[in-house]
Amino acid sequence: MEAARERMIILLEQMRDRGVELFVDGEAALPGEAAAKSVREDSPYMADYVFGDAGNIEQVRFDKVVHR
């Protein structure tokens, strides 16, 4: 699990370096924060990719999934 989290941090850092904004539950987040929430057993977080007009990813939003 730790190796997956480290890979996710590296990926999110690369995305952030390219100008992609990261959010967790609607708040701006650092790559480590986003990975800590989303890479774990039974994670209730889902990634949503927001694309700009040119088709590039502008934001990655990790939001907690609530079962109803």
PDB file of N, CA and C in Angstrom:
ATOM      1  N   MET A   1       0.831  -1.188   0.000  1.00  0.00           N
ATOM      2  CA  MET A   1       0.000   0.000   0.000  1.00  0.00           C
ATOM      3  C   MET A   1       0.879   1.257   0.000  1.00  0.00           C
ATOM      4  N   GLU A   2       1.969   1.211   0.740  1.00  0.00           N
ATOM      5  CA  GLU A   2       2.850   2.382   0.818  1.00  0.00           C
ATOM      6  C   GLU A   2       3.475   2.693  -0.550  1.00  0.00           C
ATOM      7  N   ALA A   3       3.826   1.657  -1.299  1.00  0.00           N
ATOM      8  CA  ALA A   3       4.406   1.871  -2.629  1.00  0.00           C
ATOM      9  C   ALA A   3       3.391   2.535  -3.559  1.00  0.00           C
ATOM     10  N   ALA A   4       2.138   2.131  -3.470  1.00  0.00           N
ATOM     11  CA  ALA A   4       1.086   2.739  -4.298  1.00  0.00           C
ATOM     12  C   ALA A   4       0.896   4.202  -3.931  1.00  0.00           C
ATOM     13  N   ARG A   5       0.960   4.501  -2.644  1.00  0.00           N
ATOM     14  CA  ARG A   5       0.809   5.888  -2.191  1.00  0.00           C
ATOM     15  C   ARG A   5       1.963   6.744  -2.702  1.00  0.00           C
ATOM     16  N   GLU A   6       3.174   6.214  -2.661  1.00  0.00           N
ATOM     17  CA  GLU A   6       4.344   6.953  -3.146  1.00  0.00           C
ATOM     18  C   GLU A   6       4.242   7.213  -4.650  1.00  0.00           C
ATOM     19  N   ARG A   7       3.778   6.210  -5.410  1.00  0.00           N
ATOM     20  CA  ARG A   7       3.602   6.401  -6.855  1.00  0.00           C
ATOM     21  C   ARG A   7       2.553   7.471  -7.133  1.00  0.00           C
ATOM     22  N   MET A   8       1.480   7.469  -6.343  1.00  0.00           N
ATOM     23  CA  MET A   8       0.420   8.464  -6.514  1.00  0.00           C
ATOM     24  C   MET A   8       0.942   9.861  -6.204  1.00  0.00           C
ATOM     25  N   ILE A   9       1.745  10.000  -5.166  1.00  0.00           N
ATOM     26  CA  ILE A   9       2.324  11.305  -4.824  1.00  0.00           C
ATOM     27  C   ILE A   9       3.171  11.818  -5.977  1.00  0.00           C
ATOM     28  N   ILE A  10       3.998  10.963  -6.542  1.00  0.00           N
ATOM     29  CA  ILE A  10       4.853  11.368  -7.669  1.00  0.00           C
ATOM     30  C   ILE A  10       3.991  11.800  -8.851  1.00  0.00           C
ATOM     31  N   LEU A  11       2.959  11.029  -9.175  1.00  0.00           N
ATOM     32  CA  LEU A  11       2.069  11.377 -10.286  1.00  0.00           C
ATOM     33  C   LEU A  11       1.387  12.714 -10.044  1.00  0.00           C
ATOM     34  N   LEU A  12       0.870  12.919  -8.834  1.00  0.00           N
ATOM     35  CA  LEU A  12       0.179  14.170  -8.524  1.00  0.00           C
ATOM     36  C   LEU A  12       1.141  15.359  -8.498  1.00  0.00           C
ATOM     37  N   GLU A  13       2.377  15.136  -8.064  1.00  0.00           N
ATOM     38  CA  GLU A  13       3.377  16.208  -8.107  1.00  0.00           C
ATOM     39  C   GLU A  13       3.673  16.606  -9.549  1.00  0.00           C
ATOM     40  N   GLN A  14       3.780  15.621 -10.431  1.00  0.00           N
ATOM     41  CA  GLN A  14       4.029  15.911 -11.846  1.00  0.00           C
ATOM     42  C   GLN A  14       2.858  16.694 -12.437  1.00  0.00           C
ATOM     43  N   MET A  15       1.656  16.302 -12.085  1.00  0.00           N
ATOM     44  CA  MET A  15       0.477  17.006 -12.585  1.00  0.00           C
ATOM     45  C   MET A  15       0.457  18.450 -12.073  1.00  0.00           C
ATOM     46  N   ARG A  16       0.741  18.606 -10.786  1.00  0.00           N
ATOM     47  CA  ARG A  16       0.747  19.952 -10.202  1.00  0.00           C
ATOM     48  C   ARG A  16       1.809  20.827 -10.865  1.00  0.00           C
ATOM     49  N   ASP A  17       2.971  20.239 -11.174  1.00  0.00           N
ATOM     50  CA  ASP A  17       4.037  20.978 -11.852  1.00  0.00           C
ATOM     51  C   ASP A  17       3.606  21.453 -13.237  1.00  0.00           C
ATOM     52  N   ARG A  18       2.625  20.769 -13.823  1.00  0.00           N
ATOM     53  CA  ARG A  18       2.098  21.155 -15.141  1.00  0.00           C
ATOM     54  C   ARG A  18       0.900  22.097 -15.023  1.00  0.00           C
ATOM     55  N   GLY A  19       0.599  22.523 -13.797  1.00  0.00           N
ATOM     56  CA  GLY A  19      -0.464  23.492 -13.603  1.00  0.00           C
ATOM     57  C   GLY A  19      -1.814  22.921 -13.203  1.00  0.00           C
ATOM     58  N   VAL A  20      -1.892  21.617 -12.973  1.00  0.00           N
ATOM     59  CA  VAL A  20      -3.152  20.998 -12.558  1.00  0.00           C
ATOM     60  C   VAL A  20      -3.382  21.297 -11.075  1.00  0.00           C
ATOM     61  N   GLU A  21      -4.575  21.793 -10.760  1.00  0.00           N
ATOM     62  CA  GLU A  21      -4.924  22.085  -9.373  1.00  0.00           C
ATOM     63  C   GLU A  21      -5.484  20.834  -8.717  1.00  0.00           C
ATOM     64  N   LEU A  22      -5.145  20.625  -7.441  1.00  0.00           N
ATOM     65  CA  LEU A  22      -5.611  19.465  -6.686  1.00  0.00           C
ATOM     66  C   LEU A  22      -6.522  19.916  -5.557  1.00  0.00           C
ATOM     67  N   PHE A  23      -7.609  19.178  -5.369  1.00  0.00           N
ATOM     68  CA  PHE A  23      -8.570  19.492  -4.317  1.00  0.00           C
ATOM     69  C   PHE A  23      -8.978  18.219  -3.590  1.00  0.00           C
ATOM     70  N   VAL A  24      -9.199  18.340  -2.289  1.00  0.00           N
ATOM     71  CA  VAL A  24      -9.780  17.265  -1.490  1.00  0.00           C
ATOM     72  C   VAL A  24     -10.959  17.864  -0.744  1.00  0.00           C
ATOM     73  N   ASP A  25     -12.125  17.303  -0.956  1.00  0.00           N
ATOM     74  CA  ASP A  25     -13.362  17.790  -0.337  1.00  0.00           C
ATOM     75  C   ASP A  25     -13.558  19.293  -0.541  1.00  0.00           C
ATOM     76  N   GLY A  26     -13.257  19.756  -1.748  1.00  0.00           N
ATOM     77  CA  GLY A  26     -13.485  21.146  -2.106  1.00  0.00           C
ATOM     78  C   GLY A  26     -12.405  22.127  -1.683  1.00  0.00           C
ATOM     79  N   GLU A  27     -11.373  21.653  -0.992  1.00  0.00           N
ATOM     80  CA  GLU A  27     -10.285  22.511  -0.533  1.00  0.00           C
ATOM     81  C   GLU A  27      -9.011  22.194  -1.307  1.00  0.00           C
ATOM     82  N   ALA A  28      -8.242  23.231  -1.650  1.00  0.00           N
ATOM     83  CA  ALA A  28      -6.954  23.023  -2.317  1.00  0.00           C
ATOM     84  C   ALA A  28      -6.090  22.101  -1.463  1.00  0.00           C
ATOM     85  N   ALA A  29      -5.366  21.201  -2.129  1.00  0.00           N
ATOM     86  CA  ALA A  29      -4.573  20.210  -1.399  1.00  0.00           C
ATOM     87  C   ALA A  29      -3.222  20.004  -2.068  1.00  0.00           C
ATOM     88  N   LEU A  30      -2.276  19.574  -1.281  1.00  0.00           N
ATOM     89  CA  LEU A  30      -0.958  19.180  -1.784  1.00  0.00           C
ATOM     90  C   LEU A  30      -1.022  17.719  -2.233  1.00  0.00           C
ATOM     91  N   PRO A  31      -0.090  17.288  -3.087  1.00  0.00           N
ATOM     92  CA  PRO A  31      -0.108  15.900  -3.546  1.00  0.00           C
ATOM     93  C   PRO A  31      -0.125  14.865  -2.414  1.00  0.00           C
ATOM     94  N   GLY A  32       0.645  15.088  -1.372  1.00  0.00           N
ATOM     95  CA  GLY A  32       0.676  14.144  -0.257  1.00  0.00           C
ATOM     96  C   GLY A  32      -0.656  14.034   0.459  1.00  0.00           C
ATOM     97  N   GLU A  33      -1.348  15.155   0.585  1.00  0.00           N
ATOM     98  CA  GLU A  33      -2.667  15.145   1.232  1.00  0.00           C
ATOM     99  C   GLU A  33      -3.685  14.363   0.399  1.00  0.00           C
ATOM    100  N   ALA A  34      -3.668  14.609  -0.904  1.00  0.00           N
ATOM    101  CA  ALA A  34      -4.606  13.913  -1.791  1.00  0.00           C
ATOM    102  C   ALA A  34      -4.321  12.416  -1.801  1.00  0.00           C
ATOM    103  N   ALA A  35      -3.066  12.034  -1.845  1.00  0.00           N
ATOM    104  CA  ALA A  35      -2.709  10.615  -1.856  1.00  0.00           C
ATOM    105  C   ALA A  35      -3.073   9.945  -0.541  1.00  0.00           C
ATOM    106  N   ALA A  36      -2.887  10.634   0.567  1.00  0.00           N
ATOM    107  CA  ALA A  36      -3.205  10.053   1.873  1.00  0.00           C
ATOM    108  C   ALA A  36      -4.692   9.724   1.990  1.00  0.00           C
ATOM    109  N   LYS A  37      -5.539  10.538   1.395  1.00  0.00           N
ATOM    110  CA  LYS A  37      -6.989  10.303   1.464  1.00  0.00           C
ATOM    111  C   LYS A  37      -7.441   9.234   0.476  1.00  0.00           C
ATOM    112  N   SER A  38      -6.827   9.209  -0.697  1.00  0.00           N
ATOM    113  CA  SER A  38      -7.354   8.372  -1.771  1.00  0.00           C
ATOM    114  C   SER A  38      -6.704   6.999  -1.924  1.00  0.00           C
ATOM    115  N   VAL A  39      -5.503   6.819  -1.401  1.00  0.00           N
ATOM    116  CA  VAL A  39      -4.809   5.532  -1.560  1.00  0.00           C
ATOM    117  C   VAL A  39      -4.765   4.828  -0.217  1.00  0.00           C
ATOM    118  N   ARG A  40      -5.816   4.055   0.028  1.00  0.00           N
ATOM    119  CA  ARG A  40      -5.887   3.233   1.241  1.00  0.00           C
ATOM    120  C   ARG A  40      -6.994   2.214   1.056  1.00  0.00           C
ATOM    121  N   GLU A  41      -6.966   1.188   1.873  1.00  0.00           N
ATOM    122  CA  GLU A  41      -7.992   0.154   1.793  1.00  0.00           C
ATOM    123  C   GLU A  41      -9.356   0.770   2.042  1.00  0.00           C
ATOM    124  N   ASP A  42     -10.320   0.372   1.249  1.00  0.00           N
ATOM    125  CA  ASP A  42     -11.700   0.837   1.403  1.00  0.00           C
ATOM    126  C   ASP A  42     -11.798   2.360   1.422  1.00  0.00           C
ATOM    127  N   SER A  43     -11.039   3.010   0.562  1.00  0.00           N
ATOM    128  CA  SER A  43     -11.067   4.473   0.499  1.00  0.00           C
ATOM    129  C   SER A  43     -12.436   4.953   0.041  1.00  0.00           C
ATOM    130  N   PRO A  44     -13.031   5.887   0.779  1.00  0.00           N
ATOM    131  CA  PRO A  44     -14.324   6.426   0.358  1.00  0.00           C
ATOM    132  C   PRO A  44     -14.168   7.620  -0.595  1.00  0.00           C
ATOM    133  N   TYR A  45     -12.979   7.818  -1.161  1.00  0.00           N
ATOM    134  CA  TYR A  45     -12.737   8.973  -2.033  1.00  0.00           C
ATOM    135  C   TYR A  45     -12.700   8.564  -3.500  1.00  0.00           C
ATOM    136  N   MET A  46     -13.274   9.433  -4.340  1.00  0.00           N
ATOM    137  CA  MET A  46     -13.302   9.217  -5.773  1.00  0.00           C
ATOM    138  C   MET A  46     -12.671  10.427  -6.456  1.00  0.00           C
ATOM    139  N   ALA A  47     -11.867  10.166  -7.473  1.00  0.00           N
ATOM    140  CA  ALA A  47     -11.236  11.247  -8.230  1.00  0.00           C
ATOM    141  C   ALA A  47     -12.154  11.685  -9.360  1.00  0.00           C
ATOM    142  N   ASP A  48     -12.254  12.987  -9.532  1.00  0.00           N
ATOM    143  CA  ASP A  48     -13.014  13.577 -10.627  1.00  0.00           C
ATOM    144  C   ASP A  48     -12.043  14.473 -11.386  1.00  0.00           C
ATOM    145  N   TYR A  49     -11.898  14.235 -12.679  1.00  0.00           N
ATOM    146  CA  TYR A  49     -10.975  15.000 -13.506  1.00  0.00           C
ATOM    147  C   TYR A  49     -11.749  16.082 -14.235  1.00  0.00           C
ATOM    148  N   VAL A  50     -11.322  17.333 -14.071  1.00  0.00           N
ATOM    149  CA  VAL A  50     -11.975  18.478 -14.705  1.00  0.00           C
ATOM    150  C   VAL A  50     -11.105  18.923 -15.876  1.00  0.00           C
ATOM    151  N   PHE A  51     -11.703  18.912 -17.070  1.00  0.00           N
ATOM    152  CA  PHE A  51     -10.978  19.257 -18.292  1.00  0.00           C
ATOM    153  C   PHE A  51     -11.289  20.686 -18.713  1.00  0.00           C
ATOM    154  N   GLY A  52     -10.296  21.343 -19.294  1.00  0.00           N
ATOM    155  CA  GLY A  52     -10.475  22.682 -19.832  1.00  0.00           C
ATOM    156  C   GLY A  52     -10.948  22.621 -21.273  1.00  0.00           C
ATOM    157  N   ASP A  53     -11.120  23.771 -21.877  1.00  0.00           N
ATOM    158  CA  ASP A  53     -11.605  23.867 -23.251  1.00  0.00           C
ATOM    159  C   ASP A  53     -10.675  23.175 -24.253  1.00  0.00           C
ATOM    160  N   ALA A  54      -9.387  23.177 -23.973  1.00  0.00           N
ATOM    161  CA  ALA A  54      -8.417  22.560 -24.883  1.00  0.00           C
ATOM    162  C   ALA A  54      -8.323  21.048 -24.699  1.00  0.00           C
ATOM    163  N   GLY A  55      -9.077  20.498 -23.748  1.00  0.00           N
ATOM    164  CA  GLY A  55      -9.051  19.063 -23.499  1.00  0.00           C
ATOM    165  C   GLY A  55      -7.994  18.620 -22.512  1.00  0.00           C
ATOM    166  N   ASN A  56      -7.303  19.572 -21.886  1.00  0.00           N
ATOM    167  CA  ASN A  56      -6.283  19.246 -20.883  1.00  0.00           C
ATOM    168  C   ASN A  56      -6.904  19.170 -19.502  1.00  0.00           C
ATOM    169  N   ILE A  57      -6.330  18.333 -18.654  1.00  0.00           N
ATOM    170  CA  ILE A  57      -6.798  18.258 -17.270  1.00  0.00           C
ATOM    171  C   ILE A  57      -6.399  19.536 -16.558  1.00  0.00           C
ATOM    172  N   GLU A  58      -7.367  20.237 -15.963  1.00  0.00           N
ATOM    173  CA  GLU A  58      -7.103  21.464 -15.214  1.00  0.00           C
ATOM    174  C   GLU A  58      -7.160  21.230 -13.710  1.00  0.00           C
ATOM    175  N   GLN A  59      -7.998  20.283 -13.286  1.00  0.00           N
ATOM    176  CA  GLN A  59      -8.156  20.011 -11.862  1.00  0.00           C
ATOM    177  C   GLN A  59      -8.380  18.515 -11.651  1.00  0.00           C
ATOM    178  N   VAL A  60      -7.913  18.041 -10.491  1.00  0.00           N
ATOM    179  CA  VAL A  60      -8.282  16.714 -10.008  1.00  0.00           C
ATOM    180  C   VAL A  60      -8.910  16.956  -8.655  1.00  0.00           C
ATOM    181  N   ARG A  61     -10.152  16.497  -8.523  1.00  0.00           N
ATOM    182  CA  ARG A  61     -10.917  16.733  -7.304  1.00  0.00           C
ATOM    183  C   ARG A  61     -11.216  15.382  -6.646  1.00  0.00           C
ATOM    184  N   PHE A  62     -10.729  15.205  -5.418  1.00  0.00           N
ATOM    185  CA  PHE A  62     -11.001  13.994  -4.648  1.00  0.00           C
ATOM    186  C   PHE A  62     -12.117  14.326  -3.666  1.00  0.00           C
ATOM    187  N   ASP A  63     -13.239  13.654  -3.843  1.00  0.00           N
ATOM    188  CA  ASP A  63     -14.389  13.917  -2.979  1.00  0.00           C
ATOM    189  C   ASP A  63     -14.823  12.634  -2.288  1.00  0.00           C
ATOM    190  N   LYS A  64     -15.212  12.772  -1.049  1.00  0.00           N
ATOM    191  CA  LYS A  64     -15.674  11.644  -0.262  1.00  0.00           C
ATOM    192  C   LYS A  64     -17.011  11.161  -0.808  1.00  0.00           C
ATOM    193  N   VAL A  65     -17.114   9.862  -1.035  1.00  0.00           N
ATOM    194  CA  VAL A  65     -18.343   9.257  -1.525  1.00  0.00           C
ATOM    195  C   VAL A  65     -19.182   8.877  -0.304  1.00  0.00           C
ATOM    196  N   VAL A  66     -20.401   9.363  -0.312  1.00  0.00           N
ATOM    197  CA  VAL A  66     -21.313   9.089   0.806  1.00  0.00           C
ATOM    198  C   VAL A  66     -22.388   8.128   0.323  1.00  0.00           C
ATOM    199  N   HIS A  67     -22.529   7.012   1.018  1.00  0.00           N
ATOM    200  CA  HIS A  67     -23.557   6.022   0.689  1.00  0.00           C
ATOM    201  C   HIS A  67     -24.866   6.461   1.303  1.00  0.00           C
ATOM    202  N   ARG A  68     -25.932   6.377   0.518  1.00  0.00           N
ATOM    203  CA  ARG A  68     -27.255   6.764   1.038  1.00  0.00           C
ATOM    204  C   ARG A  68     -28.180   5.588   1.054  1.00  0.00           C
TER     205      ARG A  68
END
